[in-house]
Amino acid sequence: VVAYIGKLAVCGILLAVFETAIAKMRVFRVPDFLGAALMLALLGTLLLFVSRTL
């Protein structure tokens, strides 16, 4: 029983560390995602204006 609880505790700690690392990686990649979203929005706006003038 003690070994089972120990295994659960270790797995829980490892899962928490993994999830924290993934969350931090997402936070630091937010500017990249925002830059890509801005470029796609500008491209969509440009294509909208070009298609209306044709």
PDB file of N, CA and C in Angstrom:
ATOM      1  N   VAL A   1       0.834  -1.192   0.000  1.00  0.00           N
ATOM      2  CA  VAL A   1       0.000   0.000   0.000  1.00  0.00           C
ATOM      3  C   VAL A   1       0.874   1.250   0.000  1.00  0.00           C
ATOM      4  N   VAL A   2       1.941   1.239   0.801  1.00  0.00           N
ATOM      5  CA  VAL A   2       2.829   2.399   0.876  1.00  0.00           C
ATOM      6  C   VAL A   2       3.535   2.612  -0.460  1.00  0.00           C
ATOM      7  N   ALA A   3       3.951   1.508  -1.103  1.00  0.00           N
ATOM      8  CA  ALA A   3       4.626   1.620  -2.399  1.00  0.00           C
ATOM      9  C   ALA A   3       3.676   2.192  -3.448  1.00  0.00           C
ATOM     10  N   TYR A   4       2.415   1.790  -3.407  1.00  0.00           N
ATOM     11  CA  TYR A   4       1.418   2.294  -4.353  1.00  0.00           C
ATOM     12  C   TYR A   4       1.207   3.797  -4.178  1.00  0.00           C
ATOM     13  N   ILE A   5       1.093   4.239  -2.936  1.00  0.00           N
ATOM     14  CA  ILE A   5       0.922   5.667  -2.654  1.00  0.00           C
ATOM     15  C   ILE A   5       2.165   6.441  -3.084  1.00  0.00           C
ATOM     16  N   GLY A   6       3.339   5.858  -2.866  1.00  0.00           N
ATOM     17  CA  GLY A   6       4.581   6.501  -3.298  1.00  0.00           C
ATOM     18  C   GLY A   6       4.639   6.648  -4.809  1.00  0.00           C
ATOM     19  N   LYS A   7       4.240   5.598  -5.530  1.00  0.00           N
ATOM     20  CA  LYS A   7       4.218   5.664  -6.994  1.00  0.00           C
ATOM     21  C   LYS A   7       3.240   6.729  -7.475  1.00  0.00           C
ATOM     22  N   LEU A   8       2.075   6.792  -6.843  1.00  0.00           N
ATOM     23  CA  LEU A   8       1.096   7.812  -7.214  1.00  0.00           C
ATOM     24  C   LEU A   8       1.639   9.215  -6.968  1.00  0.00           C
ATOM     25  N   ALA A   9       2.332   9.408  -5.854  1.00  0.00           N
ATOM     26  CA  ALA A   9       2.895  10.719  -5.542  1.00  0.00           C
ATOM     27  C   ALA A   9       3.955  11.110  -6.560  1.00  0.00           C
ATOM     28  N   VAL A  10       4.834  10.174  -6.916  1.00  0.00           N
ATOM     29  CA  VAL A  10       5.883  10.466  -7.902  1.00  0.00           C
ATOM     30  C   VAL A  10       5.263  10.785  -9.256  1.00  0.00           C
ATOM     31  N   CYS A  11       4.280  10.001  -9.669  1.00  0.00           N
ATOM     32  CA  CYS A  11       3.617  10.259 -10.948  1.00  0.00           C
ATOM     33  C   CYS A  11       2.898  11.609 -10.937  1.00  0.00           C
ATOM     34  N   GLY A  12       2.288  11.961  -9.820  1.00  0.00           N
ATOM     35  CA  GLY A  12       1.625  13.256  -9.711  1.00  0.00           C
ATOM     36  C   GLY A  12       2.601  14.410  -9.810  1.00  0.00           C
ATOM     37  N   ILE A  13       3.746  14.280  -9.164  1.00  0.00           N
ATOM     38  CA  ILE A  13       4.762  15.334  -9.221  1.00  0.00           C
ATOM     39  C   ILE A  13       5.309  15.469 -10.638  1.00  0.00           C
ATOM     40  N   LEU A  14       5.584  14.330 -11.285  1.00  0.00           N
ATOM     41  CA  LEU A  14       6.085  14.379 -12.661  1.00  0.00           C
ATOM     42  C   LEU A  14       5.060  15.005 -13.606  1.00  0.00           C
ATOM     43  N   LEU A  15       3.799  14.680 -13.421  1.00  0.00           N
ATOM     44  CA  LEU A  15       2.750  15.263 -14.251  1.00  0.00           C
ATOM     45  C   LEU A  15       2.659  16.773 -14.036  1.00  0.00           C
ATOM     46  N   ALA A  16       2.770  17.225 -12.796  1.00  0.00           N
ATOM     47  CA  ALA A  16       2.721  18.654 -12.506  1.00  0.00           C
ATOM     48  C   ALA A  16       3.895  19.390 -13.140  1.00  0.00           C
ATOM     49  N   VAL A  17       5.089  18.810 -13.063  1.00  0.00           N
ATOM     50  CA  VAL A  17       6.268  19.436 -13.676  1.00  0.00           C
ATOM     51  C   VAL A  17       6.101  19.505 -15.190  1.00  0.00           C
ATOM     52  N   PHE A  18       5.614  18.430 -15.793  1.00  0.00           N
ATOM     53  CA  PHE A  18       5.408  18.393 -17.242  1.00  0.00           C
ATOM     54  C   PHE A  18       4.393  19.444 -17.678  1.00  0.00           C
ATOM     55  N   GLU A  19       3.272  19.530 -16.989  1.00  0.00           N
ATOM     56  CA  GLU A  19       2.237  20.499 -17.341  1.00  0.00           C
ATOM     57  C   GLU A  19       2.733  21.935 -17.171  1.00  0.00           C
ATOM     58  N   THR A  20       3.515  22.190 -16.133  1.00  0.00           N
ATOM     59  CA  THR A  20       4.066  23.530 -15.928  1.00  0.00           C
ATOM     60  C   THR A  20       5.026  23.897 -17.047  1.00  0.00           C
ATOM     61  N   ALA A  21       5.855  22.952 -17.473  1.00  0.00           N
ATOM     62  CA  ALA A  21       6.802  23.216 -18.560  1.00  0.00           C
ATOM     63  C   ALA A  21       6.062  23.510 -19.859  1.00  0.00           C
ATOM     64  N   ILE A  22       5.015  22.759 -20.142  1.00  0.00           N
ATOM     65  CA  ILE A  22       4.237  22.989 -21.363  1.00  0.00           C
ATOM     66  C   ILE A  22       3.558  24.358 -21.305  1.00  0.00           C
ATOM     67  N   ALA A  23       3.013  24.734 -20.154  1.00  0.00           N
ATOM     68  CA  ALA A  23       2.359  26.036 -20.019  1.00  0.00           C
ATOM     69  C   ALA A  23       3.353  27.172 -20.218  1.00  0.00           C
ATOM     70  N   LYS A  24       4.554  27.048 -19.652  1.00  0.00           N
ATOM     71  CA  LYS A  24       5.565  28.090 -19.833  1.00  0.00           C
ATOM     72  C   LYS A  24       5.983  28.186 -21.293  1.00  0.00           C
ATOM     73  N   MET A  25       6.094  27.048 -21.965  1.00  0.00           N
ATOM     74  CA  MET A  25       6.482  27.061 -23.370  1.00  0.00           C
ATOM     75  C   MET A  25       5.413  27.780 -24.195  1.00  0.00           C
ATOM     76  N   ARG A  26       4.144  27.568 -23.863  1.00  0.00           N
ATOM     77  CA  ARG A  26       3.066  28.257 -24.575  1.00  0.00           C
ATOM     78  C   ARG A  26       3.131  29.760 -24.340  1.00  0.00           C
ATOM     79  N   VAL A  27       3.404  30.169 -23.106  1.00  0.00           N
ATOM     80  CA  VAL A  27       3.459  31.597 -22.785  1.00  0.00           C
ATOM     81  C   VAL A  27       4.558  32.281 -23.582  1.00  0.00           C
ATOM     82  N   PHE A  28       5.711  31.632 -23.701  1.00  0.00           N
ATOM     83  CA  PHE A  28       6.809  32.257 -24.417  1.00  0.00           C
ATOM     84  C   PHE A  28       6.603  32.229 -25.924  1.00  0.00           C
ATOM     85  N   ARG A  29       5.705  31.381 -26.434  1.00  0.00           N
ATOM     86  CA  ARG A  29       5.439  31.322 -27.866  1.00  0.00           C
ATOM     87  C   ARG A  29       4.274  32.206 -28.277  1.00  0.00           C
ATOM     88  N   VAL A  30       3.612  32.873 -27.338  1.00  0.00           N
ATOM     89  CA  VAL A  30       2.466  33.727 -27.651  1.00  0.00           C
ATOM     90  C   VAL A  30       2.825  34.815 -28.655  1.00  0.00           C
ATOM     91  N   PRO A  31       3.963  35.527 -28.531  1.00  0.00           N
ATOM     92  CA  PRO A  31       4.284  36.545 -29.543  1.00  0.00           C
ATOM     93  C   PRO A  31       4.401  35.970 -30.955  1.00  0.00           C
ATOM     94  N   ASP A  32       4.914  34.761 -31.093  1.00  0.00           N
ATOM     95  CA  ASP A  32       4.988  34.136 -32.416  1.00  0.00           C
ATOM     96  C   ASP A  32       3.585  33.898 -32.975  1.00  0.00           C
ATOM     97  N   PHE A  33       2.688  33.396 -32.128  1.00  0.00           N
ATOM     98  CA  PHE A  33       1.323  33.151 -32.581  1.00  0.00           C
ATOM     99  C   PHE A  33       0.615  34.456 -32.936  1.00  0.00           C
ATOM    100  N   LEU A  34       0.837  35.502 -32.146  1.00  0.00           N
ATOM    101  CA  LEU A  34       0.207  36.786 -32.439  1.00  0.00           C
ATOM    102  C   LEU A  34       0.739  37.375 -33.739  1.00  0.00           C
ATOM    103  N   GLY A  35       2.034  37.234 -33.977  1.00  0.00           N
ATOM    104  CA  GLY A  35       2.613  37.722 -35.231  1.00  0.00           C
ATOM    105  C   GLY A  35       2.031  36.993 -36.427  1.00  0.00           C
ATOM    106  N   ALA A  36       1.899  35.688 -36.326  1.00  0.00           N
ATOM    107  CA  ALA A  36       1.312  34.907 -37.422  1.00  0.00           C
ATOM    108  C   ALA A  36      -0.151  35.288 -37.631  1.00  0.00           C
ATOM    109  N   ALA A  37      -0.884  35.496 -36.550  1.00  0.00           N
ATOM    110  CA  ALA A  37      -2.291  35.887 -36.660  1.00  0.00           C
ATOM    111  C   ALA A  37      -2.418  37.259 -37.312  1.00  0.00           C
ATOM    112  N   LEU A  38      -1.526  38.183 -36.965  1.00  0.00           N
ATOM    113  CA  LEU A  38      -1.556  39.512 -37.573  1.00  0.00           C
ATOM    114  C   LEU A  38      -1.282  39.429 -39.069  1.00  0.00           C
ATOM    115  N   MET A  39      -0.295  38.636 -39.459  1.00  0.00           N
ATOM    116  CA  MET A  39       0.022  38.491 -40.883  1.00  0.00           C
ATOM    117  C   MET A  39      -1.156  37.880 -41.647  1.00  0.00           C
ATOM    118  N   LEU A  40      -1.790  36.862 -41.070  1.00  0.00           N
ATOM    119  CA  LEU A  40      -2.947  36.258 -41.735  1.00  0.00           C
ATOM    120  C   LEU A  40      -4.113  37.242 -41.837  1.00  0.00           C
ATOM    121  N   ALA A  41      -4.318  38.051 -40.806  1.00  0.00           N
ATOM    122  CA  ALA A  41      -5.393  39.041 -40.839  1.00  0.00           C
ATOM    123  C   ALA A  41      -5.122  40.096 -41.904  1.00  0.00           C
ATOM    124  N   LEU A  42      -3.880  40.561 -41.990  1.00  0.00           N
ATOM    125  CA  LEU A  42      -3.541  41.551 -43.015  1.00  0.00           C
ATOM    126  C   LEU A  42      -3.673  40.964 -44.417  1.00  0.00           C
ATOM    127  N   LEU A  43      -3.265  39.727 -44.586  1.00  0.00           N
ATOM    128  CA  LEU A  43      -3.406  39.069 -45.884  1.00  0.00           C
ATOM    129  C   LEU A  43      -4.878  38.916 -46.253  1.00  0.00           C
ATOM    130  N   GLY A  44      -5.706  38.545 -45.298  1.00  0.00           N
ATOM    131  CA  GLY A  44      -7.137  38.422 -45.552  1.00  0.00           C
ATOM    132  C   GLY A  44      -7.768  39.750 -45.912  1.00  0.00           C
ATOM    133  N   THR A  45      -7.377  40.815 -45.223  1.00  0.00           N
ATOM    134  CA  THR A  45      -7.895  42.146 -45.526  1.00  0.00           C
ATOM    135  C   THR A  45      -7.468  42.584 -46.916  1.00  0.00           C
ATOM    136  N   LEU A  46      -6.214  42.356 -47.249  1.00  0.00           N
ATOM    137  CA  LEU A  46      -5.707  42.713 -48.572  1.00  0.00           C
ATOM    138  C   LEU A  46      -6.452  41.947 -49.662  1.00  0.00           C
ATOM    139  N   LEU A  47      -6.646  40.652 -49.467  1.00  0.00           N
ATOM    140  CA  LEU A  47      -7.369  39.861 -50.463  1.00  0.00           C
ATOM    141  C   LEU A  47      -8.826  40.299 -50.579  1.00  0.00           C
ATOM    142  N   LEU A  48      -9.423  40.725 -49.475  1.00  0.00           N
ATOM    143  CA  LEU A  48     -10.802  41.209 -49.516  1.00  0.00           C
ATOM    144  C   LEU A  48     -10.903  42.462 -50.375  1.00  0.00           C
ATOM    145  N   PHE A  49      -9.995  43.410 -50.179  1.00  0.00           N
ATOM    146  CA  PHE A  49     -10.022  44.643 -50.960  1.00  0.00           C
ATOM    147  C   PHE A  49      -9.690  44.380 -52.422  1.00  0.00           C
ATOM    148  N   VAL A  50      -8.767  43.492 -52.691  1.00  0.00           N
ATOM    149  CA  VAL A  50      -8.405  43.188 -54.077  1.00  0.00           C
ATOM    150  C   VAL A  50      -9.562  42.496 -54.788  1.00  0.00           C
ATOM    151  N   SER A  51     -10.243  41.587 -54.110  1.00  0.00           N
ATOM    152  CA  SER A  51     -11.343  40.868 -54.758  1.00  0.00           C
ATOM    153  C   SER A  51     -12.552  41.777 -54.984  1.00  0.00           C
ATOM    154  N   ARG A  52     -12.738  42.791 -54.175  1.00  0.00           N
ATOM    155  CA  ARG A  52     -13.862  43.711 -54.376  1.00  0.00           C
ATOM    156  C   ARG A  52     -13.612  44.660 -55.535  1.00  0.00           C
ATOM    157  N   THR A  53     -12.364  44.989 -55.800  1.00  0.00           N
ATOM    158  CA  THR A  53     -12.072  45.940 -56.872  1.00  0.00           C
ATOM    159  C   THR A  53     -12.065  45.270 -58.238  1.00  0.00           C
ATOM    160  N   LEU A  54     -12.047  43.939 -58.279  1.00  0.00           N
ATOM    161  CA  LEU A  54     -12.044  43.255 -59.584  1.00  0.00           C
ATOM    162  C   LEU A  54     -13.421  43.223 -60.200  1.00  0.00           C
TER     163      LEU A  54
END
